C-alpha atoms as a PDB file:
ATOM      1  CA  MET A   1      -0.265 112.043  88.653  1.00  0.00           C
ATOM      2  CA  ASP A   2       2.122 109.886  90.634  1.00  0.00           C
ATOM      3  CA  LYS A   3       4.715 110.359  87.730  1.00  0.00           C
ATOM      4  CA  VAL A   4       5.199 111.843  84.798  1.00  0.00           C
ATOM      5  CA  GLU A   5       8.517 111.177  82.838  1.00  0.00           C
ATOM      6  CA  ILE A   6       9.874 113.382  80.100  1.00  0.00           C
ATOM      7  CA  ARG A   7      11.963 111.914  77.333  1.00  0.00           C
ATOM      8  CA  TRP A   8      14.311 114.928  75.510  1.00  0.00           C
ATOM      9  CA  PRO A   9      15.239 115.090  72.022  1.00  0.00           C
ATOM     10  CA  ASN A  10      18.625 115.501  73.579  1.00  0.00           C
ATOM     11  CA  GLY A  11      18.587 112.058  75.280  1.00  0.00           C
ATOM     12  CA  GLY A  12      17.816 113.415  78.875  1.00  0.00           C
ATOM     13  CA  VAL A  13      14.678 112.557  81.073  1.00  0.00           C
ATOM     14  CA  GLU A  14      13.196 114.718  83.357  1.00  0.00           C
ATOM     15  CA  THR A  15      10.694 113.381  85.976  1.00  0.00           C
ATOM     16  CA  LEU A  16       8.504 115.262  88.135  1.00  0.00           C
ATOM     17  CA  ARG A  17       6.221 113.829  90.967  1.00  0.00           C
ATOM     18  CA  ASN A  18       2.982 113.989  92.437  1.00  0.00           C
ATOM     19  CA  ILE A  19       1.930 116.790  90.710  1.00  0.00           C
ATOM     20  CA  PRO A  20      -1.915 117.584  89.877  1.00  0.00           C
ATOM     21  CA  ALA A  21      -4.165 116.190  87.062  1.00  0.00           C
ATOM     22  CA  ASP A  22      -5.912 119.290  86.692  1.00  0.00           C
ATOM     23  CA  THR A  23      -3.104 121.965  85.496  1.00  0.00           C
ATOM     24  CA  ILE A  24      -1.780 122.899  82.579  1.00  0.00           C
ATOM     25  CA  TYR A  25       2.164 122.997  82.959  1.00  0.00           C
ATOM     26  CA  MET A  26       5.124 124.649  80.678  1.00  0.00           C
ATOM     27  CA  ILE A  27       7.707 122.855  81.358  1.00  0.00           C
ATOM     28  CA  VAL A  28      11.585 123.902  79.693  1.00  0.00           C
ATOM     29  CA  GLU A  29      14.459 121.189  79.306  1.00  0.00           C
ATOM     30  CA  GLY A  30      16.679 121.081  81.701  1.00  0.00           C
ATOM     31  CA  GLN A  31      14.691 123.616  84.033  1.00  0.00           C
ATOM     32  CA  GLY A  32      11.781 121.785  85.343  1.00  0.00           C
ATOM     33  CA  VAL A  33       8.028 123.627  85.435  1.00  0.00           C
ATOM     34  CA  LYS A  34       8.107 126.774  84.746  1.00  0.00           C
ATOM     35  CA  SER A  35       4.697 128.191  85.344  1.00  0.00           C
ATOM     36  CA  THR A  36       1.604 126.595  85.795  1.00  0.00           C
ATOM     37  CA  VAL A  37      -1.916 126.958  84.600  1.00  0.00           C
ATOM     38  CA  LYS A  38      -5.359 125.638  87.144  1.00  0.00           C
ATOM     39  CA  LEU A  39      -7.795 123.784  85.230  1.00  0.00           C
ATOM     40  CA  LEU A  40     -11.613 125.059  86.075  1.00  0.00           C
ATOM     41  CA  PRO A  41     -14.036 122.178  87.031  1.00  0.00           C
ATOM     42  CA  PRO A  42     -16.321 121.431  83.843  1.00  0.00           C
ATOM     43  CA  THR A  43     -19.671 123.504  84.224  1.00  0.00           C
ATOM     44  CA  PRO A  44     -23.113 121.785  84.422  1.00  0.00           C
ATOM     45  CA  HIS A  45     -25.128 121.787  81.025  1.00  0.00           C
END
């Protein structure tokens, strides 16, 4: 993803740039990305 913009309840805005789309992110307000989990590609049926 080129850009992800997070609008927090306190009114703050955090922008993440150039991050993979095939990943789950845990983002903490004011601290950025705290952890990631890479997703596996889908398996054919």
